[in-house]
Amino acid sequence: MIRVEHLTKTFPLPGGGSLTAVSDLSFTVEAGEIYGLLGPNGAGKTTTLRMILGLLQPTHGEASIAGFGSSQFPDEVKRRVGLVSASAGLYQGLSVEEMLLFFADLYAVPPAEARCEMVKLSRLLGLEEFLGQRCATLSTGQRQRVNLARALIHRPPVMLLDEPTLGLDVLASQVVTEYIDHLRDEGKAVILTTHHLDDAERHCTRFGLLHRGRLVSEGTLAELRARTGCVSLIEMFLKLSQVGPALNR
């Protein structure tokens, strides 16, 4: 479903030279998998997601969704992907209902189907009581619930979750946890980036550990434990910060 092949992104620096944010990155994510793309700040996670979405052109390599290359067919890719990001904003003057139906229309979802999907997502995420409320008046947790619904309104088979619990309190984070469980039950292919490593351990079926733009280790939690000698992802990250690429894939 998701294919990343030798993906590389290099940015020019103002004083000359260049910075390689992602280097020769390859991995796959199949339907029903939740893939934890994990690494410290600056590891290349968000840059990778932007290239998968077709928002950023790679220097080398290719990403594809359901056989559509992100560089060649960005519109086809976007139709098949839902993005949840901590930095995503809402249209302040619209009500929650107007916001969701607007995005459904952008994805050419027929109006009757869009309303049915909105009702379903409202029940799932507890939006019923503030569907008529303007987005400008929503709390942080309510805003994130709307973003979760917006990402699913066009029923995409692929989901990209970029730090979905950043800045949320315990109750709002629990909504995201239940949302991820729902994505798994729906059989979607999911990439999750997060610094909440306990959440990653609970949700992800496989992991890719990034360090300075390179994939230095990949596998299930059991495989990573056997390979690194560490019990938890936290221990693996501490080891990663000390030895970097010496962690074997």
C-alpha atoms as a PDB file:
ATOM      1  CA  MET A   1       0.000   0.000   0.000  1.00  0.00           C
ATOM      2  CA  ILE A   2       2.771   2.461   0.998  1.00  0.00           C
ATOM      3  CA  ARG A   3       6.120   2.085  -0.757  1.00  0.00           C
ATOM      4  CA  VAL A   4       9.187   4.184   0.026  1.00  0.00           C
ATOM      5  CA  GLU A   5      12.201   3.374  -2.152  1.00  0.00           C
ATOM      6  CA  HIS A   6      15.649   4.961  -1.690  1.00  0.00           C
ATOM      7  CA  LEU A   7      14.046   8.256  -0.692  1.00  0.00           C
ATOM      8  CA  THR A   8      16.562  11.081  -0.278  1.00  0.00           C
ATOM      9  CA  LYS A   9      16.087  14.797   0.362  1.00  0.00           C
ATOM     10  CA  THR A  10      18.930  17.309   0.371  1.00  0.00           C
ATOM     11  CA  PHE A  11      18.462  21.009   1.146  1.00  0.00           C
ATOM     12  CA  PRO A  12      20.947  23.703   0.053  1.00  0.00           C
ATOM     13  CA  LEU A  13      22.431  25.793   2.852  1.00  0.00           C
ATOM     14  CA  PRO A  14      22.606  29.610   2.601  1.00  0.00           C
ATOM     15  CA  GLY A  15      26.378  29.747   2.973  1.00  0.00           C
ATOM     16  CA  GLY A  16      27.016  26.942   0.506  1.00  0.00           C
ATOM     17  CA  GLY A  17      27.000  23.208   0.918  1.00  0.00           C
ATOM     18  CA  SER A  18      23.912  21.138   1.683  1.00  0.00           C
ATOM     19  CA  LEU A  19      22.002  19.350   4.423  1.00  0.00           C
ATOM     20  CA  THR A  20      20.738  15.799   3.872  1.00  0.00           C
ATOM     21  CA  ALA A  21      17.492  15.494   5.846  1.00  0.00           C
ATOM     22  CA  VAL A  22      16.582  12.006   4.558  1.00  0.00           C
ATOM     23  CA  SER A  23      19.123   9.565   3.128  1.00  0.00           C
ATOM     24  CA  ASP A  24      18.381   6.448   1.024  1.00  0.00           C
ATOM     25  CA  LEU A  25      15.245   5.569   3.027  1.00  0.00           C
ATOM     26  CA  SER A  26      13.267   2.444   2.061  1.00  0.00           C
ATOM     27  CA  PHE A  27      10.336   0.732   3.788  1.00  0.00           C
ATOM     28  CA  THR A  28       6.828  -0.558   3.092  1.00  0.00           C
ATOM     29  CA  VAL A  29       3.536  -0.473   4.994  1.00  0.00           C
ATOM     30  CA  GLU A  30       0.728  -2.857   4.100  1.00  0.00           C
ATOM     31  CA  ALA A  31      -3.023  -2.595   4.785  1.00  0.00           C
ATOM     32  CA  GLY A  32      -3.781  -3.258   8.444  1.00  0.00           C
ATOM     33  CA  GLU A  33      -0.268  -2.286   9.588  1.00  0.00           C
ATOM     34  CA  ILE A  34       0.623   0.570  11.918  1.00  0.00           C
ATOM     35  CA  TYR A  35       4.223   1.501  11.206  1.00  0.00           C
ATOM     36  CA  GLY A  36       6.008   3.580  13.825  1.00  0.00           C
ATOM     37  CA  LEU A  37       8.451   5.936  12.102  1.00  0.00           C
ATOM     38  CA  LEU A  38      10.408   7.052  15.137  1.00  0.00           C
ATOM     39  CA  GLY A  39      13.417   9.218  15.828  1.00  0.00           C
ATOM     40  CA  PRO A  40      14.596  12.326  17.687  1.00  0.00           C
ATOM     41  CA  ASN A  41      13.875  15.856  16.486  1.00  0.00           C
ATOM     42  CA  GLY A  42      15.622  16.444  13.167  1.00  0.00           C
ATOM     43  CA  ALA A  43      15.713  12.740  12.246  1.00  0.00           C
ATOM     44  CA  GLY A  44      13.726  13.338   9.034  1.00  0.00           C
ATOM     45  CA  LYS A  45      10.270  12.052  10.015  1.00  0.00           C
ATOM     46  CA  THR A  46       8.147  15.014   8.898  1.00  0.00           C
ATOM     47  CA  THR A  47      10.251  15.521   5.760  1.00  0.00           C
ATOM     48  CA  THR A  48       9.560  11.886   4.870  1.00  0.00           C
ATOM     49  CA  LEU A  49       5.794  12.315   5.348  1.00  0.00           C
ATOM     50  CA  ARG A  50       5.816  15.452   3.202  1.00  0.00           C
ATOM     51  CA  MET A  51       7.532  13.547   0.391  1.00  0.00           C
ATOM     52  CA  ILE A  52       5.086  10.642   0.696  1.00  0.00           C
ATOM     53  CA  LEU A  53       2.201  13.121   0.365  1.00  0.00           C
ATOM     54  CA  GLY A  54       3.752  14.775  -2.685  1.00  0.00           C
ATOM     55  CA  LEU A  55       4.152  18.112  -0.902  1.00  0.00           C
ATOM     56  CA  LEU A  56       7.925  17.970  -1.196  1.00  0.00           C
ATOM     57  CA  GLN A  57       9.881  16.659  -4.163  1.00  0.00           C
ATOM     58  CA  PRO A  58      12.629  14.154  -3.271  1.00  0.00           C
ATOM     59  CA  THR A  59      16.165  14.704  -4.450  1.00  0.00           C
ATOM     60  CA  HIS A  60      16.382  11.003  -5.274  1.00  0.00           C
ATOM     61  CA  GLY A  61      14.122   7.980  -4.894  1.00  0.00           C
ATOM     62  CA  GLU A  62      10.348   7.672  -4.885  1.00  0.00           C
ATOM     63  CA  ALA A  63       7.362   7.172  -2.622  1.00  0.00           C
ATOM     64  CA  SER A  64       4.043   5.704  -3.783  1.00  0.00           C
ATOM     65  CA  ILE A  65       0.553   5.037  -2.450  1.00  0.00           C
ATOM     66  CA  ALA A  66      -1.427   2.148  -3.970  1.00  0.00           C
ATOM     67  CA  GLY A  67       0.879   2.203  -6.984  1.00  0.00           C
ATOM     68  CA  PHE A  68       0.649   5.971  -7.595  1.00  0.00           C
ATOM     69  CA  GLY A  69       3.991   7.763  -7.382  1.00  0.00           C
ATOM     70  CA  SER A  70       3.876  10.797  -5.105  1.00  0.00           C
ATOM     71  CA  SER A  71       5.964  12.889  -7.503  1.00  0.00           C
ATOM     72  CA  GLN A  72       4.101  11.924 -10.695  1.00  0.00           C
ATOM     73  CA  PHE A  73       0.532  11.659  -9.352  1.00  0.00           C
ATOM     74  CA  PRO A  74       0.263  13.902  -6.255  1.00  0.00           C
ATOM     75  CA  ASP A  75      -3.497  14.407  -6.649  1.00  0.00           C
ATOM     76  CA  GLU A  76      -4.171  10.659  -6.818  1.00  0.00           C
ATOM     77  CA  VAL A  77      -2.018  10.182  -3.724  1.00  0.00           C
ATOM     78  CA  LYS A  78      -3.861  12.888  -1.757  1.00  0.00           C
ATOM     79  CA  ARG A  79      -7.220  11.266  -2.579  1.00  0.00           C
ATOM     80  CA  ARG A  80      -6.022   8.089  -0.860  1.00  0.00           C
ATOM     81  CA  VAL A  81      -4.385   9.629   2.208  1.00  0.00           C
ATOM     82  CA  GLY A  82      -5.649  11.185   5.415  1.00  0.00           C
ATOM     83  CA  LEU A  83      -3.215  13.396   7.341  1.00  0.00           C
ATOM     84  CA  VAL A  84      -3.395  14.188  11.042  1.00  0.00           C
ATOM     85  CA  SER A  85      -0.806  16.708  12.194  1.00  0.00           C
ATOM     86  CA  ALA A  86      -0.371  18.707  15.367  1.00  0.00           C
ATOM     87  CA  SER A  87       0.264  21.760  13.181  1.00  0.00           C
ATOM     88  CA  ALA A  88      -2.927  21.414  11.101  1.00  0.00           C
ATOM     89  CA  GLY A  89      -5.284  24.360  11.450  1.00  0.00           C
ATOM     90  CA  LEU A  90      -9.045  24.820  11.148  1.00  0.00           C
ATOM     91  CA  TYR A  91     -11.040  27.471   9.310  1.00  0.00           C
ATOM     92  CA  GLN A  92     -11.972  29.663  12.253  1.00  0.00           C
ATOM     93  CA  GLY A  93     -15.158  31.135  10.778  1.00  0.00           C
ATOM     94  CA  LEU A  94     -16.735  27.785   9.884  1.00  0.00           C
ATOM     95  CA  SER A  95     -18.739  25.577  12.198  1.00  0.00           C
ATOM     96  CA  VAL A  96     -17.491  22.039  12.763  1.00  0.00           C
ATOM     97  CA  GLU A  97     -20.249  20.702  10.507  1.00  0.00           C
ATOM     98  CA  GLU A  98     -19.402  23.181   7.751  1.00  0.00           C
ATOM     99  CA  MET A  99     -15.717  22.340   8.073  1.00  0.00           C
ATOM    100  CA  LEU A 100     -16.231  18.600   7.666  1.00  0.00           C
ATOM    101  CA  LEU A 101     -18.667  18.930   4.783  1.00  0.00           C
ATOM    102  CA  PHE A 102     -16.344  21.425   3.066  1.00  0.00           C
ATOM    103  CA  PHE A 103     -13.461  18.940   3.141  1.00  0.00           C
ATOM    104  CA  ALA A 104     -15.730  16.135   1.968  1.00  0.00           C
ATOM    105  CA  ASP A 105     -16.678  18.311  -1.003  1.00  0.00           C
ATOM    106  CA  LEU A 106     -12.988  18.966  -1.763  1.00  0.00           C
ATOM    107  CA  TYR A 107     -12.550  15.206  -2.079  1.00  0.00           C
ATOM    108  CA  ALA A 108     -15.688  14.925  -4.258  1.00  0.00           C
ATOM    109  CA  VAL A 109     -17.613  12.862  -1.706  1.00  0.00           C
ATOM    110  CA  PRO A 110     -21.322  12.968  -2.689  1.00  0.00           C
ATOM    111  CA  PRO A 111     -23.308  15.167  -0.238  1.00  0.00           C
ATOM    112  CA  ALA A 112     -25.523  12.349   1.100  1.00  0.00           C
ATOM    113  CA  GLU A 113     -22.514  10.103   1.704  1.00  0.00           C
ATOM    114  CA  ALA A 114     -20.616  12.996   3.318  1.00  0.00           C
ATOM    115  CA  ARG A 115     -23.427  13.580   5.817  1.00  0.00           C
ATOM    116  CA  CYS A 116     -23.611   9.874   6.670  1.00  0.00           C
ATOM    117  CA  GLU A 117     -19.846   9.797   7.203  1.00  0.00           C
ATOM    118  CA  MET A 118     -20.006  12.952   9.323  1.00  0.00           C
ATOM    119  CA  VAL A 119     -22.656  11.399  11.569  1.00  0.00           C
ATOM    120  CA  LYS A 120     -20.585   8.231  11.924  1.00  0.00           C
ATOM    121  CA  LEU A 121     -17.394  10.134  12.771  1.00  0.00           C
ATOM    122  CA  SER A 122     -19.254  12.460  15.142  1.00  0.00           C
ATOM    123  CA  ARG A 123     -20.417   9.464  17.161  1.00  0.00           C
ATOM    124  CA  LEU A 124     -16.968   7.891  17.084  1.00  0.00           C
ATOM    125  CA  LEU A 125     -15.160  11.048  18.210  1.00  0.00           C
ATOM    126  CA  GLY A 126     -17.829  12.694  20.347  1.00  0.00           C
ATOM    127  CA  LEU A 127     -18.452  15.712  18.115  1.00  0.00           C
ATOM    128  CA  GLU A 128     -22.269  15.801  18.333  1.00  0.00           C
ATOM    129  CA  GLU A 129     -22.486  18.421  21.061  1.00  0.00           C
ATOM    130  CA  PHE A 130     -20.396  21.009  19.205  1.00  0.00           C
ATOM    131  CA  LEU A 131     -21.095  20.313  15.503  1.00  0.00           C
ATOM    132  CA  GLY A 132     -22.772  23.728  15.216  1.00  0.00           C
ATOM    133  CA  GLN A 133     -20.017  25.544  17.088  1.00  0.00           C
ATOM    134  CA  ARG A 134     -17.538  27.811  15.297  1.00  0.00           C
ATOM    135  CA  CYS A 135     -14.045  26.373  15.088  1.00  0.00           C
ATOM    136  CA  ALA A 136     -12.612  29.568  16.588  1.00  0.00           C
ATOM    137  CA  THR A 137     -14.304  28.759  19.897  1.00  0.00           C
ATOM    138  CA  LEU A 138     -13.078  25.162  20.265  1.00  0.00           C
ATOM    139  CA  SER A 139     -10.670  23.940  22.920  1.00  0.00           C
ATOM    140  CA  THR A 140      -7.379  22.288  21.951  1.00  0.00           C
ATOM    141  CA  GLY A 141      -8.814  18.822  22.497  1.00  0.00           C
ATOM    142  CA  GLN A 142     -11.954  19.620  20.507  1.00  0.00           C
ATOM    143  CA  ARG A 143      -9.853  20.997  17.650  1.00  0.00           C
ATOM    144  CA  GLN A 144      -7.866  17.784  17.477  1.00  0.00           C
ATOM    145  CA  ARG A 145     -11.073  15.729  17.388  1.00  0.00           C
ATOM    146  CA  VAL A 146     -12.217  17.767  14.400  1.00  0.00           C
ATOM    147  CA  ASN A 147      -8.845  17.229  12.720  1.00  0.00           C
ATOM    148  CA  LEU A 148      -9.188  13.482  13.282  1.00  0.00           C
ATOM    149  CA  ALA A 149     -12.644  13.514  11.680  1.00  0.00           C
ATOM    150  CA  ARG A 150     -11.477  15.734   8.802  1.00  0.00           C
ATOM    151  CA  ALA A 151      -8.716  13.247   7.941  1.00  0.00           C
ATOM    152  CA  LEU A 152     -11.228  10.392   7.643  1.00  0.00           C
ATOM    153  CA  ILE A 153     -14.172  12.161   5.988  1.00  0.00           C
ATOM    154  CA  HIS A 154     -13.197  10.915   2.494  1.00  0.00           C
ATOM    155  CA  ARG A 155     -12.582   7.314   3.728  1.00  0.00           C
ATOM    156  CA  PRO A 156      -8.884   7.094   2.728  1.00  0.00           C
ATOM    157  CA  PRO A 157      -7.130   3.692   2.854  1.00  0.00           C
ATOM    158  CA  VAL A 158      -3.878   5.286   4.111  1.00  0.00           C
ATOM    159  CA  MET A 159      -3.363   7.462   7.199  1.00  0.00           C
ATOM    160  CA  LEU A 160      -0.332   9.548   8.158  1.00  0.00           C
ATOM    161  CA  LEU A 161      -0.292  10.571  11.827  1.00  0.00           C
ATOM    162  CA  ASP A 162       2.386  13.176  12.562  1.00  0.00           C
ATOM    163  CA  GLU A 163       2.657  13.729  16.338  1.00  0.00           C
ATOM    164  CA  PRO A 164      -1.146  13.457  16.770  1.00  0.00           C
ATOM    165  CA  THR A 165      -1.024  13.817  20.598  1.00  0.00           C
ATOM    166  CA  LEU A 166       1.371  16.779  20.751  1.00  0.00           C
ATOM    167  CA  GLY A 167       0.107  19.353  23.255  1.00  0.00           C
ATOM    168  CA  LEU A 168      -2.934  17.305  24.289  1.00  0.00           C
ATOM    169  CA  ASP A 169      -3.949  16.476  27.832  1.00  0.00           C
ATOM    170  CA  VAL A 170      -4.618  12.935  29.074  1.00  0.00           C
ATOM    171  CA  LEU A 171      -8.304  12.876  28.095  1.00  0.00           C
ATOM    172  CA  ALA A 172      -7.689  14.258  24.606  1.00  0.00           C
ATOM    173  CA  SER A 173      -4.803  11.835  24.102  1.00  0.00           C
ATOM    174  CA  GLN A 174      -7.126   8.957  24.966  1.00  0.00           C
ATOM    175  CA  VAL A 175      -9.403  10.005  22.088  1.00  0.00           C
ATOM    176  CA  VAL A 176      -6.413   9.721  19.740  1.00  0.00           C
ATOM    177  CA  THR A 177      -5.580   6.287  21.192  1.00  0.00           C
ATOM    178  CA  GLU A 178      -9.110   5.048  20.471  1.00  0.00           C
ATOM    179  CA  TYR A 179      -8.885   6.611  16.998  1.00  0.00           C
ATOM    180  CA  ILE A 180      -5.729   4.628  16.213  1.00  0.00           C
ATOM    181  CA  ASP A 181      -7.463   1.449  17.386  1.00  0.00           C
ATOM    182  CA  HIS A 182     -10.305   2.304  14.987  1.00  0.00           C
ATOM    183  CA  LEU A 183      -7.854   2.715  12.093  1.00  0.00           C
ATOM    184  CA  ARG A 184      -6.417  -0.719  12.802  1.00  0.00           C
ATOM    185  CA  ASP A 185      -9.893  -2.263  12.937  1.00  0.00           C
ATOM    186  CA  GLU A 186     -10.677  -0.609   9.588  1.00  0.00           C
ATOM    187  CA  GLY A 187      -7.593  -2.232   8.021  1.00  0.00           C
ATOM    188  CA  LYS A 188      -5.920   1.017   7.018  1.00  0.00           C
ATOM    189  CA  ALA A 189      -2.198   1.356   6.313  1.00  0.00           C
ATOM    190  CA  VAL A 190      -0.884   3.800   8.929  1.00  0.00           C
ATOM    191  CA  ILE A 191       2.387   5.608   9.549  1.00  0.00           C
ATOM    192  CA  LEU A 192       2.667   7.049  13.064  1.00  0.00           C
ATOM    193  CA  THR A 193       5.343   9.477  14.209  1.00  0.00           C
ATOM    194  CA  THR A 194       5.379  10.262  17.920  1.00  0.00           C
ATOM    195  CA  HIS A 195       7.665  11.024  20.830  1.00  0.00           C
ATOM    196  CA  HIS A 196       5.297   9.145  23.145  1.00  0.00           C
ATOM    197  CA  LEU A 197       7.166   5.863  22.874  1.00  0.00           C
ATOM    198  CA  ASP A 198       4.849   3.998  25.248  1.00  0.00           C
ATOM    199  CA  ASP A 199       1.985   4.783  22.838  1.00  0.00           C
ATOM    200  CA  ALA A 200       4.104   3.562  19.936  1.00  0.00           C
ATOM    201  CA  GLU A 201       4.837   0.285  21.716  1.00  0.00           C
ATOM    202  CA  ARG A 202       1.139  -0.232  22.360  1.00  0.00           C
ATOM    203  CA  HIS A 203      -0.108   0.549  18.852  1.00  0.00           C
ATOM    204  CA  CYS A 204       2.550  -0.201  16.244  1.00  0.00           C
ATOM    205  CA  THR A 205       3.013  -3.541  14.540  1.00  0.00           C
ATOM    206  CA  ARG A 206       6.452  -2.595  13.150  1.00  0.00           C
ATOM    207  CA  PHE A 207       8.963   0.168  13.709  1.00  0.00           C
ATOM    208  CA  GLY A 208      11.538   2.073  11.715  1.00  0.00           C
ATOM    209  CA  LEU A 209      14.144   3.892  13.807  1.00  0.00           C
ATOM    210  CA  LEU A 210      15.562   6.996  12.123  1.00  0.00           C
ATOM    211  CA  HIS A 211      18.842   8.683  13.045  1.00  0.00           C
ATOM    212  CA  ARG A 212      20.097  11.702  11.094  1.00  0.00           C
ATOM    213  CA  GLY A 213      17.907  10.828   8.138  1.00  0.00           C
ATOM    214  CA  ARG A 214      18.903   7.164   7.919  1.00  0.00           C
ATOM    215  CA  LEU A 215      16.878   4.079   8.803  1.00  0.00           C
ATOM    216  CA  VAL A 216      19.225   2.376  11.254  1.00  0.00           C
ATOM    217  CA  SER A 217      16.951  -0.401  12.491  1.00  0.00           C
ATOM    218  CA  GLU A 218      13.569  -1.834  11.475  1.00  0.00           C
ATOM    219  CA  GLY A 219      11.312  -4.633  12.654  1.00  0.00           C
ATOM    220  CA  THR A 220       8.730  -5.708  15.181  1.00  0.00           C
ATOM    221  CA  LEU A 221       9.283  -4.881  18.844  1.00  0.00           C
ATOM    222  CA  ALA A 222      10.431  -8.467  19.460  1.00  0.00           C
ATOM    223  CA  GLU A 223      12.907  -8.256  16.569  1.00  0.00           C
ATOM    224  CA  LEU A 224      14.288  -4.930  17.765  1.00  0.00           C
ATOM    225  CA  ARG A 225      14.676  -6.276  21.294  1.00  0.00           C
ATOM    226  CA  ALA A 226      16.611  -9.286  20.033  1.00  0.00           C
ATOM    227  CA  ARG A 227      18.785  -7.139  17.781  1.00  0.00           C
ATOM    228  CA  THR A 228      19.603  -4.336  20.228  1.00  0.00           C
ATOM    229  CA  GLY A 229      19.514  -6.115  23.581  1.00  0.00           C
ATOM    230  CA  CYS A 230      17.127  -3.416  24.845  1.00  0.00           C
ATOM    231  CA  VAL A 231      13.709  -4.098  26.372  1.00  0.00           C
ATOM    232  CA  SER A 232      11.891  -0.823  25.612  1.00  0.00           C
ATOM    233  CA  LEU A 233      11.900   1.717  22.808  1.00  0.00           C
ATOM    234  CA  ILE A 234      13.169   4.302  25.290  1.00  0.00           C
ATOM    235  CA  GLU A 235      16.282   2.205  25.930  1.00  0.00           C
ATOM    236  CA  MET A 236      16.724   1.739  22.182  1.00  0.00           C
ATOM    237  CA  PHE A 237      16.592   5.504  21.642  1.00  0.00           C
ATOM    238  CA  LEU A 238      19.175   6.118  24.344  1.00  0.00           C
ATOM    239  CA  LYS A 239      21.423   3.563  22.674  1.00  0.00           C
ATOM    240  CA  LEU A 240      20.684   5.098  19.288  1.00  0.00           C
ATOM    241  CA  SER A 241      21.750   8.537  20.496  1.00  0.00           C
ATOM    242  CA  GLN A 242      25.078   7.116  21.642  1.00  0.00           C
ATOM    243  CA  VAL A 243      26.018   4.810  18.763  1.00  0.00           C
ATOM    244  CA  GLY A 244      23.858   6.008  15.853  1.00  0.00           C
ATOM    245  CA  PRO A 245      24.259   3.861  12.720  1.00  0.00           C
ATOM    246  CA  ALA A 246      26.044   1.141  14.669  1.00  0.00           C
ATOM    247  CA  LEU A 247      22.586  -0.273  15.412  1.00  0.00           C
ATOM    248  CA  ASN A 248      22.171  -3.026  12.835  1.00  0.00           C
ATOM    249  CA  ARG A 249      19.088  -3.341  10.685  1.00  0.00           C
END
